[in-house]
Amino acid sequence: MHYALIIGLILGFVLPLTEQHRALAKRWGSRTLFLSVALLGAGLSLGTMGRNSIEYAHLTLISIALTFIFGYLLSKLFKIDHEQSILMTAGTAVCGGSAMAAVAPVINASALSMAVSMSVVFILNALAIYLFPPIGHWLQLTQEQFGLWAALAIHDTSSVLAAASLYGEKALELATITKLTRSLWIIPICLVLSVVYKTQTRSQFRPPWVIIVFLAVSTLFTMVPALAVVRAQTQMLAKLGFALTLFLIGLQMNKENLKQVGWSPLAFGLSLWIVVSGLSLVLVQL
């Protein structure tokens, strides 16, 4: 699966792709990710999801709170643009690009701040897929520990599930549940920011369709045991979908993304990510 991202990155840098081509890759990448996450619901029972969501809810809350605290402190240290620090902190705390897209209109972020923040998170997501599994094996993390760690420390859902799938089935299962539950935190975060920035949020929220469809598929397979005969096929389709998603993500990267980042935002994003990853690892092991 991870080779799909490498191939996409190479083609993204080599081929003369236009902005329209990259926009198309982004749109279809979102669609394949949506479908893949939904299909994963076939392999997870409602009882398992409920138990895991409740059991690890405190880790999610602690992790998000610590991310915002260190995000504020590091933004002062690196003296980066305020909008960029809020965007990258929200992306690190919750669910990467999706969180930043939700927060941007709430804080009236500029297009440049959004582009820089997205580029930094994109680079870190690509690194996470290749760094986390070897580190997990080196630290001898269990499947459950790695799944939790990936969900707490990696930004985007696609990268979380890609890294977890390389570690094992149980890691992928727990990472999926934890990450999707974590994604719901963008709602209260946007509400708090709307109060701070005195903006209206009514038009910013959209139903979390990926979570709704994921739960619907899980409910269907839980309530209709006869569907178990096609469960293996749905899981295979989900993995193929993730591979295609990573390929399309790679196509979106180009030299312009790297040029507009700058050292301060990259240093901030990297430092925050390292701190959050380390703290999350400690929480998981405890």
Protein backbone atom coordinates (compact mmCIF):
# COMPACT_ATOMS: atom_id res chain seq x y z
CA MET A 1 0.00 0.00 0.00
CA HIS A 2 2.77 2.45 0.91
CA TYR A 3 4.29 2.08 -2.56
CA ALA A 4 1.18 3.74 -3.97
CA LEU A 5 2.11 6.98 -2.20
CA ILE A 6 5.71 6.82 -3.46
CA ILE A 7 4.54 6.30 -7.04
CA GLY A 8 2.06 9.15 -6.71
CA LEU A 9 4.71 11.49 -5.28
CA ILE A 10 7.16 10.68 -8.07
CA LEU A 11 4.56 11.25 -10.76
CA GLY A 12 3.38 14.41 -9.01
CA PHE A 13 6.87 15.90 -9.28
CA VAL A 14 7.75 14.51 -12.73
CA LEU A 15 4.58 14.88 -14.77
CA PRO A 16 3.50 18.33 -16.03
CA LEU A 17 0.21 18.23 -14.12
CA THR A 18 -1.98 21.34 -14.10
CA GLU A 19 -3.88 22.71 -11.10
CA GLN A 20 -7.03 21.22 -12.62
CA HIS A 21 -5.40 17.78 -12.65
CA ARG A 22 -4.36 18.12 -9.00
CA ALA A 23 -7.82 19.37 -8.03
CA LEU A 24 -9.29 16.32 -9.74
CA ALA A 25 -6.88 14.04 -7.84
CA LYS A 26 -7.88 15.73 -4.58
CA ARG A 27 -11.60 15.33 -5.29
CA TRP A 28 -11.32 11.66 -6.21
CA GLY A 29 -8.94 11.03 -3.33
CA SER A 30 -11.63 12.26 -0.94
CA ARG A 31 -14.20 10.01 -2.58
CA THR A 32 -12.07 6.87 -2.49
CA LEU A 33 -11.18 7.56 1.15
CA PHE A 34 -14.87 7.97 1.99
CA LEU A 35 -15.74 4.66 0.30
CA SER A 36 -12.80 2.82 1.90
CA VAL A 37 -13.65 3.99 5.42
CA ALA A 38 -17.29 3.04 4.89
CA LEU A 39 -16.31 -0.47 3.75
CA LEU A 40 -14.19 -0.93 6.87
CA GLY A 41 -17.44 -0.80 8.84
CA ALA A 42 -18.24 -4.27 7.53
CA GLY A 43 -15.50 -5.76 9.67
CA LEU A 44 -16.33 -3.97 12.93
CA SER A 45 -19.29 -4.80 15.15
CA LEU A 46 -21.25 -2.08 16.93
CA GLY A 47 -20.42 -3.62 20.30
CA THR A 48 -16.69 -3.50 19.65
CA MET A 49 -16.82 0.10 18.46
CA GLY A 50 -18.88 1.19 21.45
CA ARG A 51 -16.54 -0.45 23.97
CA ASN A 52 -13.39 0.91 22.36
CA SER A 53 -14.80 4.43 21.94
CA ILE A 54 -15.71 4.64 25.63
CA GLU A 55 -12.57 2.90 26.88
CA TYR A 56 -10.17 5.26 25.09
CA ALA A 57 -12.19 8.51 25.15
CA HIS A 58 -10.04 9.95 27.93
CA LEU A 59 -6.87 9.49 25.86
CA THR A 60 -8.41 11.46 23.01
CA LEU A 61 -9.47 14.29 25.30
CA ILE A 62 -6.07 14.52 27.01
CA SER A 63 -4.25 14.38 23.68
CA ILE A 64 -6.35 17.18 22.13
CA ALA A 65 -5.95 19.42 25.19
CA LEU A 66 -2.17 18.94 25.27
CA THR A 67 -1.92 19.62 21.53
CA PHE A 68 -3.56 23.02 21.88
CA ILE A 69 -1.43 23.91 24.90
CA PHE A 70 1.84 23.05 23.17
CA GLY A 71 0.60 24.56 19.91
CA TYR A 72 0.18 27.90 21.67
CA LEU A 73 3.59 27.70 23.36
CA LEU A 74 5.44 26.66 20.20
CA SER A 75 3.75 29.38 18.14
CA LYS A 76 5.33 31.93 20.49
CA LEU A 77 8.69 30.22 20.24
CA PHE A 78 8.77 30.11 16.42
CA LYS A 79 6.87 33.41 16.00
CA ILE A 80 4.79 32.14 13.10
CA ASP A 81 1.62 33.63 11.67
CA HIS A 82 -1.28 33.32 14.14
CA GLU A 83 -3.68 31.89 11.56
CA GLN A 84 -1.15 29.25 10.52
CA SER A 85 -0.55 28.21 14.12
CA ILE A 86 -4.29 27.80 14.80
CA LEU A 87 -4.83 25.84 11.59
CA MET A 88 -1.89 23.48 12.10
CA THR A 89 -2.71 22.99 15.78
CA ALA A 90 -6.30 22.08 14.94
CA GLY A 91 -5.09 19.77 12.19
CA THR A 92 -2.65 18.07 14.54
CA ALA A 93 -5.21 17.82 17.34
CA VAL A 94 -8.10 16.34 15.37
CA CYS A 95 -8.01 15.19 11.76
CA GLY A 96 -5.54 17.06 9.58
CA GLY A 97 -6.88 18.71 6.44
CA SER A 98 -10.53 18.16 7.34
CA ALA A 99 -10.10 20.01 10.64
CA MET A 100 -8.22 22.85 8.98
CA ALA A 101 -10.90 23.18 6.31
CA ALA A 102 -13.54 23.46 9.04
CA VAL A 103 -11.55 25.93 11.17
CA ALA A 104 -10.38 28.23 8.34
CA PRO A 105 -13.70 30.07 7.77
CA VAL A 106 -14.32 30.31 11.52
CA ILE A 107 -11.08 32.27 12.09
CA ASN A 108 -11.27 34.01 8.67
CA ALA A 109 -7.95 32.49 7.62
CA SER A 110 -6.34 33.75 4.42
CA ALA A 111 -5.78 31.56 1.37
CA LEU A 112 -2.01 31.76 1.93
CA SER A 113 -2.27 30.61 5.56
CA MET A 114 -4.46 27.71 4.46
CA ALA A 115 -2.09 26.71 1.64
CA VAL A 116 1.00 26.80 3.88
CA SER A 117 -0.70 24.87 6.69
CA MET A 118 -2.05 22.23 4.31
CA SER A 119 1.38 21.79 2.73
CA VAL A 120 3.10 21.29 6.10
CA VAL A 121 0.54 18.74 7.26
CA PHE A 122 0.71 16.96 3.89
CA ILE A 123 4.50 16.55 4.20
CA LEU A 124 4.22 15.25 7.78
CA ASN A 125 1.46 12.80 6.80
CA ALA A 126 3.68 11.34 4.09
CA LEU A 127 6.52 10.91 6.59
CA ALA A 128 4.25 9.30 9.18
CA ILE A 129 3.29 6.40 6.93
CA TYR A 130 6.92 5.32 6.66
CA LEU A 131 8.18 6.27 10.12
CA PHE A 132 5.48 4.99 12.46
CA PRO A 133 5.44 1.24 11.64
CA PRO A 134 9.24 0.78 12.02
CA ILE A 135 9.22 2.79 15.26
CA GLY A 136 6.31 0.71 16.53
CA HIS A 137 8.17 -2.53 15.82
CA TRP A 138 11.36 -1.15 17.38
CA LEU A 139 9.46 -0.25 20.56
CA GLN A 140 7.65 -3.60 20.42
CA LEU A 141 4.22 -1.98 20.60
CA THR A 142 1.23 -4.29 20.58
CA GLN A 143 -1.37 -4.06 17.83
CA GLU A 144 -3.70 -2.16 20.18
CA GLN A 145 -0.98 0.25 21.32
CA PHE A 146 0.08 1.05 17.77
CA GLY A 147 -3.49 1.55 16.56
CA LEU A 148 -4.15 4.02 19.37
CA TRP A 149 -0.83 5.79 18.85
CA ALA A 150 -1.40 6.21 15.12
CA ALA A 151 -4.91 7.58 15.68
CA LEU A 152 -3.69 10.07 18.30
CA ALA A 153 -0.49 11.23 16.62
CA ILE A 154 -0.99 11.17 12.83
CA HIS A 155 -2.94 13.99 11.22
CA ASP A 156 -5.15 12.78 8.36
CA THR A 157 -7.42 9.75 8.47
CA SER A 158 -5.93 8.33 5.26
CA SER A 159 -2.40 8.34 6.69
CA VAL A 160 -3.58 6.93 10.04
CA LEU A 161 -5.24 3.97 8.34
CA ALA A 162 -2.36 3.46 5.91
CA ALA A 163 0.20 3.27 8.75
CA ALA A 164 -2.07 1.07 10.88
CA SER A 165 -2.78 -1.32 8.02
CA LEU A 166 0.97 -1.88 7.62
CA TYR A 167 1.16 -2.88 11.29
CA GLY A 168 -1.71 -5.35 11.43
CA GLU A 169 -5.46 -5.99 11.31
CA LYS A 170 -6.09 -5.25 14.99
CA ALA A 171 -4.12 -2.03 14.76
CA LEU A 172 -6.20 -0.97 11.76
CA GLU A 173 -9.45 -1.79 13.55
CA LEU A 174 -8.65 0.25 16.65
CA ALA A 175 -7.09 3.10 14.66
CA THR A 176 -10.26 3.40 12.56
CA ILE A 177 -12.59 3.56 15.56
CA THR A 178 -10.42 6.00 17.51
CA LYS A 179 -9.73 8.32 14.58
CA LEU A 180 -13.37 8.56 13.49
CA THR A 181 -14.46 9.24 17.06
CA ARG A 182 -11.70 11.83 17.39
CA SER A 183 -12.89 13.59 14.23
CA LEU A 184 -16.15 14.56 15.96
CA TRP A 185 -14.18 16.89 18.24
CA ILE A 186 -13.92 19.41 15.40
CA ILE A 187 -17.49 20.50 16.24
CA PRO A 188 -16.85 21.76 19.80
CA ILE A 189 -13.48 23.18 18.72
CA CYS A 190 -15.12 25.26 16.00
CA LEU A 191 -17.79 26.39 18.45
CA VAL A 192 -15.14 27.61 20.91
CA LEU A 193 -13.18 29.36 18.17
CA SER A 194 -16.34 31.03 16.87
CA VAL A 195 -16.84 32.56 20.31
CA VAL A 196 -13.23 33.73 20.47
CA TYR A 197 -13.27 35.15 16.93
CA LYS A 198 -16.94 36.24 17.11
CA THR A 199 -17.90 34.47 13.88
CA GLN A 200 -21.00 32.55 12.89
CA THR A 201 -20.60 28.78 12.59
CA ARG A 202 -24.07 27.71 11.51
CA SER A 203 -23.12 27.52 7.85
CA GLN A 204 -19.75 25.86 8.52
CA PHE A 205 -20.95 22.52 9.81
CA ARG A 206 -21.83 19.60 7.61
CA PRO A 207 -23.07 16.22 8.72
CA PRO A 208 -20.12 13.83 9.29
CA TRP A 209 -21.27 11.61 6.44
CA VAL A 210 -18.23 9.33 6.50
CA ILE A 211 -18.94 8.43 10.15
CA ILE A 212 -22.68 8.06 9.50
CA VAL A 213 -22.14 5.73 6.54
CA PHE A 214 -19.42 3.82 8.42
CA LEU A 215 -21.84 3.19 11.31
CA ALA A 216 -24.62 2.26 8.88
CA VAL A 217 -22.45 -0.39 7.20
CA SER A 218 -21.35 -1.73 10.57
CA THR A 219 -24.97 -1.89 11.74
CA LEU A 220 -26.01 -3.73 8.60
CA PHE A 221 -23.29 -6.37 8.93
CA THR A 222 -23.97 -6.73 12.66
CA MET A 223 -27.72 -7.18 12.27
CA VAL A 224 -27.57 -9.42 9.17
CA PRO A 225 -25.18 -12.33 9.93
CA ALA A 226 -25.66 -13.74 6.42
CA LEU A 227 -23.55 -10.89 5.06
CA ALA A 228 -20.50 -12.39 6.78
CA VAL A 229 -19.76 -14.35 3.58
CA VAL A 230 -18.75 -11.15 1.78
CA ARG A 231 -16.92 -9.52 4.71
CA ALA A 232 -13.49 -10.58 3.44
CA GLN A 233 -14.22 -9.09 0.02
CA THR A 234 -15.30 -5.76 1.50
CA GLN A 235 -12.10 -5.57 3.55
CA MET A 236 -10.04 -6.25 0.43
CA LEU A 237 -11.89 -3.51 -1.45
CA ALA A 238 -11.24 -1.15 1.46
CA LYS A 239 -7.50 -1.82 1.28
CA LEU A 240 -7.45 -1.28 -2.48
CA GLY A 241 -9.35 1.94 -1.92
CA PHE A 242 -6.75 3.13 0.58
CA ALA A 243 -3.96 2.36 -1.88
CA LEU A 244 -5.73 4.39 -4.58
CA THR A 245 -6.30 7.21 -2.08
CA LEU A 246 -2.58 7.35 -1.23
CA PHE A 247 -1.68 7.38 -4.93
CA LEU A 248 -4.04 10.31 -5.55
CA ILE A 249 -2.65 12.14 -2.50
CA GLY A 250 0.85 11.76 -3.92
CA LEU A 251 -0.23 13.30 -7.23
CA GLN A 252 -1.24 16.50 -5.42
CA MET A 253 2.30 17.23 -4.23
CA ASN A 254 4.60 19.43 -6.34
CA LYS A 255 7.52 21.83 -6.05
CA GLU A 256 5.21 24.78 -5.43
CA ASN A 257 3.94 23.13 -2.24
CA LEU A 258 7.49 22.99 -0.91
CA LYS A 259 8.37 26.55 -1.97
CA GLN A 260 5.44 28.20 -0.19
CA VAL A 261 5.94 26.41 3.13
CA GLY A 262 8.93 28.28 4.56
CA TRP A 263 11.16 27.15 7.42
CA SER A 264 9.29 28.63 10.39
CA PRO A 265 5.88 27.01 9.67
CA LEU A 266 7.59 23.72 8.84
CA ALA A 267 9.66 23.86 12.05
CA PHE A 268 6.52 24.67 14.05
CA GLY A 269 4.47 21.87 12.50
CA LEU A 270 7.29 19.35 12.85
CA SER A 271 8.02 20.32 16.46
CA LEU A 272 4.35 20.16 17.46
CA TRP A 273 4.00 16.79 15.74
CA ILE A 274 7.06 15.38 17.52
CA VAL A 275 5.81 16.61 20.90
CA VAL A 276 2.29 15.24 20.33
CA SER A 277 3.65 11.93 19.02
CA GLY A 278 5.89 11.54 22.07
CA LEU A 279 3.18 12.44 24.58
CA SER A 280 0.67 10.18 22.81
CA LEU A 281 3.13 7.30 22.92
CA VAL A 282 3.56 7.79 26.67
CA LEU A 283 -0.22 7.89 27.19
CA VAL A 284 -0.72 4.73 25.14
CA GLN A 285 1.99 2.81 26.98
CA LEU A 286 0.67 3.89 30.37
